[in-house]
Full PDB file with SEQRES, HELIX, SHEET, SSBOND, CRYST1, ORIGX, SCALE, CONECT and MASTER records, all heavy atoms in Angstrom:
SEQRES   1 A   34  THR THR ALA ILE SER ARG ALA ASP TYR LEU ALA GLU HIS          
SEQRES   2 A   34  TYR TRP ASP GLY PHE ASP PHE SER ASP THR SER LEU LEU          
SEQRES   3 A   34  HIS CYS PRO GLU VAL THR GLU GLN                              
HELIX    1 AA1 ALA A    3  HIS A   13  1                                  11    
HELIX    2 AA2 THR A   23  HIS A   27  5                                   5    
CRYST1    1.000    1.000    1.000  90.00  90.00  90.00 P 1           1          
ORIGX1      1.000000  0.000000  0.000000        0.00000                         
ORIGX2      0.000000  1.000000  0.000000        0.00000                         
ORIGX3      0.000000  0.000000  1.000000        0.00000                         
SCALE1      1.000000  0.000000  0.000000        0.00000                         
SCALE2      0.000000  1.000000  0.000000        0.00000                         
SCALE3      0.000000  0.000000  1.000000        0.00000                         
ATOM      1  N   THR A   1      28.036  60.855 102.685  1.00  0.00           N  
ATOM      2  CA  THR A   1      28.234  61.724 101.522  1.00  0.00           C  
ATOM      3  C   THR A   1      26.953  62.324 100.965  1.00  0.00           C  
ATOM      4  O   THR A   1      27.021  63.294 100.201  1.00  0.00           O  
ATOM      5  CB  THR A   1      28.931  60.934 100.398  1.00  0.00           C  
ATOM      6  OG1 THR A   1      28.137  59.773 100.063  1.00  0.00           O  
ATOM      7  CG2 THR A   1      30.326  60.494 100.837  1.00  0.00           C  
ATOM      8  N   THR A   2      25.800  61.786 101.311  1.00  0.00           N  
ATOM      9  CA  THR A   2      24.552  62.345 100.785  1.00  0.00           C  
ATOM     10  C   THR A   2      24.007  63.394 101.755  1.00  0.00           C  
ATOM     11  O   THR A   2      24.260  63.339 102.960  1.00  0.00           O  
ATOM     12  CB  THR A   2      23.495  61.252 100.564  1.00  0.00           C  
ATOM     13  OG1 THR A   2      23.111  60.702 101.828  1.00  0.00           O  
ATOM     14  CG2 THR A   2      24.032  60.154  99.658  1.00  0.00           C  
ATOM     15  N   ALA A   3      23.249  64.320 101.211  1.00  0.00           N  
ATOM     16  CA  ALA A   3      22.691  65.394 102.033  1.00  0.00           C  
ATOM     17  C   ALA A   3      21.804  64.838 103.142  1.00  0.00           C  
ATOM     18  O   ALA A   3      21.868  65.293 104.290  1.00  0.00           O  
ATOM     19  CB  ALA A   3      21.909  66.372 101.162  1.00  0.00           C  
ATOM     20  N   ILE A   4      20.972  63.843 102.813  1.00  0.00           N  
ATOM     21  CA  ILE A   4      20.036  63.314 103.806  1.00  0.00           C  
ATOM     22  C   ILE A   4      20.782  62.560 104.891  1.00  0.00           C  
ATOM     23  O   ILE A   4      20.436  62.678 106.085  1.00  0.00           O  
ATOM     24  CB  ILE A   4      18.963  62.405 103.146  1.00  0.00           C  
ATOM     25  CG1 ILE A   4      17.925  61.960 104.170  1.00  0.00           C  
ATOM     26  CG2 ILE A   4      19.593  61.217 102.456  1.00  0.00           C  
ATOM     27  CD1 ILE A   4      17.109  63.066 104.756  1.00  0.00           C  
ATOM     28  N   SER A   5      21.812  61.802 104.539  1.00  0.00           N  
ATOM     29  CA  SER A   5      22.554  61.050 105.570  1.00  0.00           C  
ATOM     30  C   SER A   5      23.306  62.003 106.492  1.00  0.00           C  
ATOM     31  O   SER A   5      23.401  61.768 107.701  1.00  0.00           O  
ATOM     32  CB  SER A   5      23.524  60.060 104.920  1.00  0.00           C  
ATOM     33  OG  SER A   5      24.537  60.716 104.188  1.00  0.00           O  
ATOM     34  N   ARG A   6      23.818  63.082 105.955  1.00  0.00           N  
ATOM     35  CA  ARG A   6      24.534  64.051 106.777  1.00  0.00           C  
ATOM     36  C   ARG A   6      23.561  64.816 107.680  1.00  0.00           C  
ATOM     37  O   ARG A   6      23.853  65.088 108.843  1.00  0.00           O  
ATOM     38  CB  ARG A   6      25.341  65.005 105.896  1.00  0.00           C  
ATOM     39  CG  ARG A   6      26.457  64.298 105.125  1.00  0.00           C  
ATOM     40  CD  ARG A   6      27.181  65.230 104.171  1.00  0.00           C  
ATOM     41  NE  ARG A   6      28.047  66.167 104.872  1.00  0.00           N  
ATOM     42  CZ  ARG A   6      29.253  65.874 105.336  1.00  0.00           C  
ATOM     43  NH1 ARG A   6      29.741  64.636 105.199  1.00  0.00           N  
ATOM     44  NH2 ARG A   6      29.988  66.782 105.954  1.00  0.00           N  
ATOM     45  N   ALA A   7      22.394  65.146 107.126  1.00  0.00           N  
ATOM     46  CA  ALA A   7      21.376  65.827 107.934  1.00  0.00           C  
ATOM     47  C   ALA A   7      20.873  64.910 109.042  1.00  0.00           C  
ATOM     48  O   ALA A   7      20.651  65.344 110.176  1.00  0.00           O  
ATOM     49  CB  ALA A   7      20.227  66.284 107.047  1.00  0.00           C  
ATOM     50  N   ASP A   8      20.688  63.620 108.731  1.00  0.00           N  
ATOM     51  CA  ASP A   8      20.232  62.656 109.734  1.00  0.00           C  
ATOM     52  C   ASP A   8      21.243  62.549 110.874  1.00  0.00           C  
ATOM     53  O   ASP A   8      20.865  62.527 112.056  1.00  0.00           O  
ATOM     54  CB  ASP A   8      20.037  61.280 109.101  1.00  0.00           C  
ATOM     55  CG  ASP A   8      18.768  61.184 108.261  1.00  0.00           C  
ATOM     56  OD1 ASP A   8      17.925  62.108 108.339  1.00  0.00           O  
ATOM     57  OD2 ASP A   8      18.616  60.188 107.532  1.00  0.00           O  
ATOM     58  N   TYR A   9      22.512  62.468 110.516  1.00  0.00           N  
ATOM     59  CA  TYR A   9      23.548  62.352 111.551  1.00  0.00           C  
ATOM     60  C   TYR A   9      23.561  63.601 112.425  1.00  0.00           C  
ATOM     61  O   TYR A   9      23.622  63.509 113.662  1.00  0.00           O  
ATOM     62  CB  TYR A   9      24.923  62.152 110.900  1.00  0.00           C  
ATOM     63  CG  TYR A   9      26.035  61.983 111.919  1.00  0.00           C  
ATOM     64  CD1 TYR A   9      26.409  60.715 112.358  1.00  0.00           C  
ATOM     65  CD2 TYR A   9      26.688  63.090 112.464  1.00  0.00           C  
ATOM     66  CE1 TYR A   9      27.414  60.552 113.308  1.00  0.00           C  
ATOM     67  CE2 TYR A   9      27.692  62.942 113.424  1.00  0.00           C  
ATOM     68  CZ  TYR A   9      28.047  61.670 113.833  1.00  0.00           C  
ATOM     69  OH  TYR A   9      29.026  61.515 114.787  1.00  0.00           O  
ATOM     70  N   LEU A  10      23.521  64.751 111.795  1.00  0.00           N  
ATOM     71  CA  LEU A  10      23.570  66.001 112.546  1.00  0.00           C  
ATOM     72  C   LEU A  10      22.362  66.141 113.460  1.00  0.00           C  
ATOM     73  O   LEU A  10      22.480  66.583 114.604  1.00  0.00           O  
ATOM     74  CB  LEU A  10      23.640  67.180 111.577  1.00  0.00           C  
ATOM     75  CG  LEU A  10      23.861  68.568 112.178  1.00  0.00           C  
ATOM     76  CD1 LEU A  10      25.128  68.590 113.023  1.00  0.00           C  
ATOM     77  CD2 LEU A  10      23.935  69.614 111.076  1.00  0.00           C  
ATOM     78  N   ALA A  11      21.184  65.728 112.964  1.00  0.00           N  
ATOM     79  CA  ALA A  11      19.979  65.820 113.782  1.00  0.00           C  
ATOM     80  C   ALA A  11      20.075  64.915 115.013  1.00  0.00           C  
ATOM     81  O   ALA A  11      19.764  65.325 116.132  1.00  0.00           O  
ATOM     82  CB  ALA A  11      18.756  65.452 112.946  1.00  0.00           C  
ATOM     83  N   GLU A  12      20.507  63.680 114.794  1.00  0.00           N  
ATOM     84  CA  GLU A  12      20.569  62.719 115.900  1.00  0.00           C  
ATOM     85  C   GLU A  12      21.661  63.045 116.918  1.00  0.00           C  
ATOM     86  O   GLU A  12      21.513  62.758 118.111  1.00  0.00           O  
ATOM     87  CB  GLU A  12      20.805  61.315 115.344  1.00  0.00           C  
ATOM     88  CG  GLU A  12      19.583  60.693 114.697  1.00  0.00           C  
ATOM     89  CD  GLU A  12      19.779  59.216 114.439  1.00  0.00           C  
ATOM     90  OE1 GLU A  12      20.317  58.862 113.366  1.00  0.00           O  
ATOM     91  OE2 GLU A  12      19.408  58.417 115.323  1.00  0.00           O  
ATOM     92  N   HIS A  13      22.746  63.650 116.456  1.00  0.00           N  
ATOM     93  CA  HIS A  13      23.898  63.896 117.343  1.00  0.00           C  
ATOM     94  C   HIS A  13      24.065  65.376 117.674  1.00  0.00           C  
ATOM     95  O   HIS A  13      25.075  65.762 118.271  1.00  0.00           O  
ATOM     96  CB  HIS A  13      25.176  63.367 116.680  1.00  0.00           C  
ATOM     97  CG  HIS A  13      25.184  61.879 116.495  1.00  0.00           C  
ATOM     98  ND1 HIS A  13      25.605  61.019 117.480  1.00  0.00           N  
ATOM     99  CD2 HIS A  13      24.791  61.111 115.447  1.00  0.00           C  
ATOM    100  CE1 HIS A  13      25.493  59.770 117.042  1.00  0.00           C  
ATOM    101  NE2 HIS A  13      24.996  59.799 115.822  1.00  0.00           N  
ATOM    102  N   TYR A  14      23.088  66.177 117.321  1.00  0.00           N  
ATOM    103  CA  TYR A  14      23.211  67.629 117.472  1.00  0.00           C  
ATOM    104  C   TYR A  14      23.580  68.035 118.893  1.00  0.00           C  
ATOM    105  O   TYR A  14      24.396  68.928 119.106  1.00  0.00           O  
ATOM    106  CB  TYR A  14      21.884  68.281 117.068  1.00  0.00           C  
ATOM    107  CG  TYR A  14      21.927  69.793 117.014  1.00  0.00           C  
ATOM    108  CD1 TYR A  14      22.298  70.451 115.846  1.00  0.00           C  
ATOM    109  CD2 TYR A  14      21.606  70.570 118.126  1.00  0.00           C  
ATOM    110  CE1 TYR A  14      22.351  71.832 115.778  1.00  0.00           C  
ATOM    111  CE2 TYR A  14      21.660  71.954 118.081  1.00  0.00           C  
ATOM    112  CZ  TYR A  14      22.033  72.581 116.900  1.00  0.00           C  
ATOM    113  OH  TYR A  14      22.092  73.952 116.855  1.00  0.00           O  
ATOM    114  N   TRP A  15      22.973  67.378 119.876  1.00  0.00           N  
ATOM    115  CA  TRP A  15      23.153  67.792 121.274  1.00  0.00           C  
ATOM    116  C   TRP A  15      24.255  67.021 122.003  1.00  0.00           C  
ATOM    117  O   TRP A  15      24.402  67.150 123.218  1.00  0.00           O  
ATOM    118  CB  TRP A  15      21.828  67.634 122.029  1.00  0.00           C  
ATOM    119  CG  TRP A  15      20.756  68.482 121.432  1.00  0.00           C  
ATOM    120  CD1 TRP A  15      19.751  68.080 120.599  1.00  0.00           C  
ATOM    121  CD2 TRP A  15      20.587  69.903 121.590  1.00  0.00           C  
ATOM    122  NE1 TRP A  15      18.962  69.149 120.227  1.00  0.00           N  
ATOM    123  CE2 TRP A  15      19.440  70.272 120.816  1.00  0.00           C  
ATOM    124  CE3 TRP A  15      21.271  70.883 122.309  1.00  0.00           C  
ATOM    125  CZ2 TRP A  15      18.998  71.597 120.755  1.00  0.00           C  
ATOM    126  CZ3 TRP A  15      20.834  72.191 122.240  1.00  0.00           C  
ATOM    127  CH2 TRP A  15      19.713  72.547 121.467  1.00  0.00           C  
ATOM    128  N   ASP A  16      25.054  66.235 121.269  1.00  0.00           N  
ATOM    129  CA  ASP A  16      26.106  65.443 121.919  1.00  0.00           C  
ATOM    130  C   ASP A  16      27.088  66.319 122.691  1.00  0.00           C  
ATOM    131  O   ASP A  16      27.599  65.910 123.744  1.00  0.00           O  
ATOM    132  CB  ASP A  16      26.880  64.628 120.871  1.00  0.00           C  
ATOM    133  CG  ASP A  16      26.079  63.434 120.351  1.00  0.00           C  
ATOM    134  OD1 ASP A  16      24.927  63.262 120.797  1.00  0.00           O  
ATOM    135  OD2 ASP A  16      26.605  62.698 119.492  1.00  0.00           O  
ATOM    136  N   GLY A  17      27.363  67.519 122.178  1.00  0.00           N  
ATOM    137  CA  GLY A  17      28.345  68.374 122.822  1.00  0.00           C  
ATOM    138  C   GLY A  17      27.755  69.396 123.774  1.00  0.00           C  
ATOM    139  O   GLY A  17      28.479  70.279 124.253  1.00  0.00           O  
ATOM    140  N   PHE A  18      26.481  69.261 124.076  1.00  0.00           N  
ATOM    141  CA  PHE A  18      25.824  70.222 124.967  1.00  0.00           C  
ATOM    142  C   PHE A  18      25.842  69.686 126.391  1.00  0.00           C  
ATOM    143  O   PHE A  18      25.436  68.549 126.645  1.00  0.00           O  
ATOM    144  CB  PHE A  18      24.382  70.444 124.511  1.00  0.00           C  
ATOM    145  CG  PHE A  18      23.671  71.554 125.244  1.00  0.00           C  
ATOM    146  CD1 PHE A  18      23.805  72.871 124.852  1.00  0.00           C  
ATOM    147  CD2 PHE A  18      22.851  71.268 126.330  1.00  0.00           C  
ATOM    148  CE1 PHE A  18      23.146  73.888 125.513  1.00  0.00           C  
ATOM    149  CE2 PHE A  18      22.186  72.275 127.005  1.00  0.00           C  
ATOM    150  CZ  PHE A  18      22.338  73.597 126.594  1.00  0.00           C  
ATOM    151  N   ASP A  19      26.285  70.507 127.313  1.00  0.00           N  
ATOM    152  CA  ASP A  19      26.370  70.096 128.712  1.00  0.00           C  
ATOM    153  C   ASP A  19      25.055  70.439 129.424  1.00  0.00           C  
ATOM    154  O   ASP A  19      24.863  71.551 129.893  1.00  0.00           O  
ATOM    155  CB  ASP A  19      27.539  70.803 129.395  1.00  0.00           C  
ATOM    156  CG  ASP A  19      27.754  70.320 130.828  1.00  0.00           C  
ATOM    157  OD1 ASP A  19      26.984  69.452 131.291  1.00  0.00           O  
ATOM    158  OD2 ASP A  19      28.688  70.823 131.480  1.00  0.00           O  
ATOM    159  N   PHE A  20      24.160  69.473 129.488  1.00  0.00           N  
ATOM    160  CA  PHE A  20      22.847  69.712 130.093  1.00  0.00           C  
ATOM    161  C   PHE A  20      22.933  69.932 131.597  1.00  0.00           C  
ATOM    162  O   PHE A  20      21.971  70.415 132.206  1.00  0.00           O  
ATOM    163  CB  PHE A  20      21.917  68.533 129.799  1.00  0.00           C  
ATOM    164  CG  PHE A  20      21.478  68.451 128.360  1.00  0.00           C  
ATOM    165  CD1 PHE A  20      22.066  67.539 127.497  1.00  0.00           C  
ATOM    166  CD2 PHE A  20      20.485  69.276 127.874  1.00  0.00           C  
ATOM    167  CE1 PHE A  20      21.668  67.457 126.164  1.00  0.00           C  
ATOM    168  CE2 PHE A  20      20.070  69.204 126.551  1.00  0.00           C  
ATOM    169  CZ  PHE A  20      20.667  68.298 125.692  1.00  0.00           C  
ATOM    170  N   SER A  21      24.050  69.607 132.197  1.00  0.00           N  
ATOM    171  CA  SER A  21      24.199  69.827 133.641  1.00  0.00           C  
ATOM    172  C   SER A  21      24.621  71.263 133.963  1.00  0.00           C  
ATOM    173  O   SER A  21      24.591  71.669 135.124  1.00  0.00           O  
ATOM    174  CB  SER A  21      25.231  68.855 134.220  1.00  0.00           C  
ATOM    175  OG  SER A  21      26.526  69.133 133.699  1.00  0.00           O  
ATOM    176  N   ASP A  22      25.006  72.012 132.940  1.00  0.00           N  
ATOM    177  CA  ASP A  22      25.485  73.377 133.132  1.00  0.00           C  
ATOM    178  C   ASP A  22      24.302  74.345 133.079  1.00  0.00           C  
ATOM    179  O   ASP A  22      23.887  74.789 132.013  1.00  0.00           O  
ATOM    180  CB  ASP A  22      26.513  73.720 132.056  1.00  0.00           C  
ATOM    181  CG  ASP A  22      27.138  75.096 132.256  1.00  0.00           C  
ATOM    182  OD1 ASP A  22      26.748  75.787 133.221  1.00  0.00           O  
ATOM    183  OD2 ASP A  22      28.005  75.468 131.449  1.00  0.00           O  
ATOM    184  N   THR A  23      23.760  74.674 134.229  1.00  0.00           N  
ATOM    185  CA  THR A  23      22.577  75.538 134.273  1.00  0.00           C  
ATOM    186  C   THR A  23      22.880  76.980 133.878  1.00  0.00           C  
ATOM    187  O   THR A  23      21.949  77.756 133.627  1.00  0.00           O  
ATOM    188  CB  THR A  23      21.943  75.518 135.676  1.00  0.00           C  
ATOM    189  OG1 THR A  23      22.929  75.903 136.647  1.00  0.00           O  
ATOM    190  CG2 THR A  23      21.417  74.131 136.005  1.00  0.00           C  
ATOM    191  N   SER A  24      24.164  77.368 133.818  1.00  0.00           N  
ATOM    192  CA  SER A  24      24.484  78.725 133.355  1.00  0.00           C  
ATOM    193  C   SER A  24      24.053  78.920 131.904  1.00  0.00           C  
ATOM    194  O   SER A  24      23.806  80.039 131.460  1.00  0.00           O  
ATOM    195  CB  SER A  24      25.979  79.000 133.495  1.00  0.00           C  
ATOM    196  OG  SER A  24      26.737  78.206 132.601  1.00  0.00           O  
ATOM    197  N   LEU A  25      23.933  77.819 131.171  1.00  0.00           N  
ATOM    198  CA  LEU A  25      23.500  77.909 129.778  1.00  0.00           C  
ATOM    199  C   LEU A  25      22.050  78.374 129.659  1.00  0.00           C  
ATOM    200  O   LEU A  25      21.634  78.861 128.605  1.00  0.00           O  
ATOM    201  CB  LEU A  25      23.671  76.546 129.095  1.00  0.00           C  
ATOM    202  CG  LEU A  25      25.115  76.134 128.813  1.00  0.00           C  
ATOM    203  CD1 LEU A  25      25.184  74.657 128.447  1.00  0.00           C  
ATOM    204  CD2 LEU A  25      25.726  76.996 127.722  1.00  0.00           C  
ATOM    205  N   LEU A  26      21.281  78.237 130.727  1.00  0.00           N  
ATOM    206  CA  LEU A  26      19.900  78.706 130.712  1.00  0.00           C  
ATOM    207  C   LEU A  26      19.828  80.225 130.657  1.00  0.00           C  
ATOM    208  O   LEU A  26      18.795  80.788 130.287  1.00  0.00           O  
ATOM    209  CB  LEU A  26      19.155  78.204 131.956  1.00  0.00           C  
ATOM    210  CG  LEU A  26      19.029  76.695 132.109  1.00  0.00           C  
ATOM    211  CD1 LEU A  26      18.369  76.359 133.442  1.00  0.00           C  
ATOM    212  CD2 LEU A  26      18.241  76.096 130.956  1.00  0.00           C  
ATOM    213  N   HIS A  27      20.924  80.878 131.025  1.00  0.00           N  
ATOM    214  CA  HIS A  27      20.961  82.333 131.061  1.00  0.00           C  
ATOM    215  C   HIS A  27      21.828  82.895 129.935  1.00  0.00           C  
ATOM    216  O   HIS A  27      22.254  84.039 129.990  1.00  0.00           O  
ATOM    217  CB  HIS A  27      21.496  82.795 132.415  1.00  0.00           C  
ATOM    218  CG  HIS A  27      20.789  82.167 133.578  1.00  0.00           C  
ATOM    219  ND1 HIS A  27      19.487  82.484 133.916  1.00  0.00           N  
ATOM    220  CD2 HIS A  27      21.178  81.194 134.443  1.00  0.00           C  
ATOM    221  CE1 HIS A  27      19.114  81.752 134.947  1.00  0.00           C  
ATOM    222  NE2 HIS A  27      20.111  80.961 135.287  1.00  0.00           N  
ATOM    223  N   CYS A  28      22.047  82.074 128.937  1.00  0.00           N  
ATOM    224  CA  CYS A  28      22.892  82.475 127.819  1.00  0.00           C  
ATOM    225  C   CYS A  28      22.165  82.154 126.514  1.00  0.00           C  
ATOM    226  O   CYS A  28      22.491  81.189 125.829  1.00  0.00           O  
ATOM    227  CB  CYS A  28      24.219  81.729 127.894  1.00  0.00           C  
ATOM    228  SG  CYS A  28      25.496  82.393 126.826  1.00  0.00           S  
ATOM    229  N   PRO A  29      21.157  82.943 126.160  1.00  0.00           N  
ATOM    230  CA  PRO A  29      20.365  82.636 124.967  1.00  0.00           C  
ATOM    231  C   PRO A  29      21.173  82.656 123.683  1.00  0.00           C  
ATOM    232  O   PRO A  29      20.801  81.969 122.718  1.00  0.00           O  
ATOM    233  CB  PRO A  29      19.289  83.729 124.964  1.00  0.00           C  
ATOM    234  CG  PRO A  29      19.850  84.836 125.801  1.00  0.00           C  
ATOM    235  CD  PRO A  29      20.678  84.158 126.854  1.00  0.00           C  
ATOM    236  N   GLU A  30      22.291  83.424 123.660  1.00  0.00           N  
ATOM    237  CA  GLU A  30      23.127  83.440 122.461  1.00  0.00           C  
ATOM    238  C   GLU A  30      23.708  82.061 122.172  1.00  0.00           C  
ATOM    239  O   GLU A  30      24.090  81.765 121.038  1.00  0.00           O  
ATOM    240  CB  GLU A  30      24.269  84.459 122.618  1.00  0.00           C  
ATOM    241  CG  GLU A  30      23.824  85.896 122.738  1.00  0.00           C  
ATOM    242  CD  GLU A  30      23.506  86.287 124.175  1.00  0.00           C  
ATOM    243  OE1 GLU A  30      23.456  85.384 125.046  1.00  0.00           O  
ATOM    244  OE2 GLU A  30      23.305  87.493 124.430  1.00  0.00           O  
ATOM    245  N   VAL A  31      23.783  81.240 123.196  1.00  0.00           N  
ATOM    246  CA  VAL A  31      24.247  79.864 123.027  1.00  0.00           C  
ATOM    247  C   VAL A  31      23.060  78.914 122.911  1.00  0.00           C  
ATOM    248  O   VAL A  31      22.856  78.264 121.888  1.00  0.00           O  
ATOM    249  CB  VAL A  31      25.145  79.427 124.205  1.00  0.00           C  
ATOM    250  CG1 VAL A  31      25.526  77.951 124.060  1.00  0.00           C  
ATOM    251  CG2 VAL A  31      26.389  80.287 124.266  1.00  0.00           C  
ATOM    252  N   THR A  32      22.260  78.849 123.952  1.00  0.00           N  
ATOM    253  CA  THR A  32      21.248  77.804 124.065  1.00  0.00           C  
ATOM    254  C   THR A  32      20.044  78.040 123.157  1.00  0.00           C  
ATOM    255  O   THR A  32      19.619  77.138 122.427  1.00  0.00           O  
ATOM    256  CB  THR A  32      20.782  77.685 125.529  1.00  0.00           C  
ATOM    257  OG1 THR A  32      21.927  77.601 126.373  1.00  0.00           O  
ATOM    258  CG2 THR A  32      19.930  76.450 125.718  1.00  0.00           C  
ATOM    259  N   GLU A  33      19.485  79.227 123.215  1.00  0.00           N  
ATOM    260  CA  GLU A  33      18.309  79.498 122.389  1.00  0.00           C  
ATOM    261  C   GLU A  33      18.672  79.498 120.910  1.00  0.00           C  
ATOM    262  O   GLU A  33      17.934  78.962 120.082  1.00  0.00           O  
ATOM    263  CB  GLU A  33      17.680  80.830 122.797  1.00  0.00           C  
ATOM    264  CG  GLU A  33      16.329  81.076 122.157  1.00  0.00           C  
ATOM    265  CD  GLU A  33      15.548  82.185 122.861  1.00  0.00           C  
ATOM    266  OE1 GLU A  33      15.963  82.618 123.959  1.00  0.00           O  
ATOM    267  OE2 GLU A  33      14.519  82.610 122.306  1.00  0.00           O  
ATOM    268  N   GLN A  34      19.831  80.087 120.578  1.00  0.00           N  
ATOM    269  CA  GLN A  34      20.256  80.090 119.179  1.00  0.00           C  
ATOM    270  C   GLN A  34      20.517  78.665 118.693  1.00  0.00           C  
ATOM    271  O   GLN A  34      20.202  78.315 117.546  1.00  0.00           O  
ATOM    272  CB  GLN A  34      21.506  80.929 119.005  1.00  0.00           C  
ATOM    273  CG  GLN A  34      21.958  81.061 117.540  1.00  0.00           C  
ATOM    274  CD  GLN A  34      20.911  81.714 116.664  1.00  0.00           C  
ATOM    275  OE1 GLN A  34      20.423  82.791 116.979  1.00  0.00           O  
ATOM    276  NE2 GLN A  34      20.557  81.055 115.567  1.00  0.00           N  
TER     277      GLN A  34                                                      
MASTER        0    0    0    2    0    0    0    6  276    1    0    3          
END                                                                             
């Protein structure tokens, strides 16, 4: 419920849904770079 706890969670888990095995993402800056 606190801003810092929510920011901490988001920072630590930010990349949980990113498929690092998908090299097509390297050519999609609207997704990966953004």
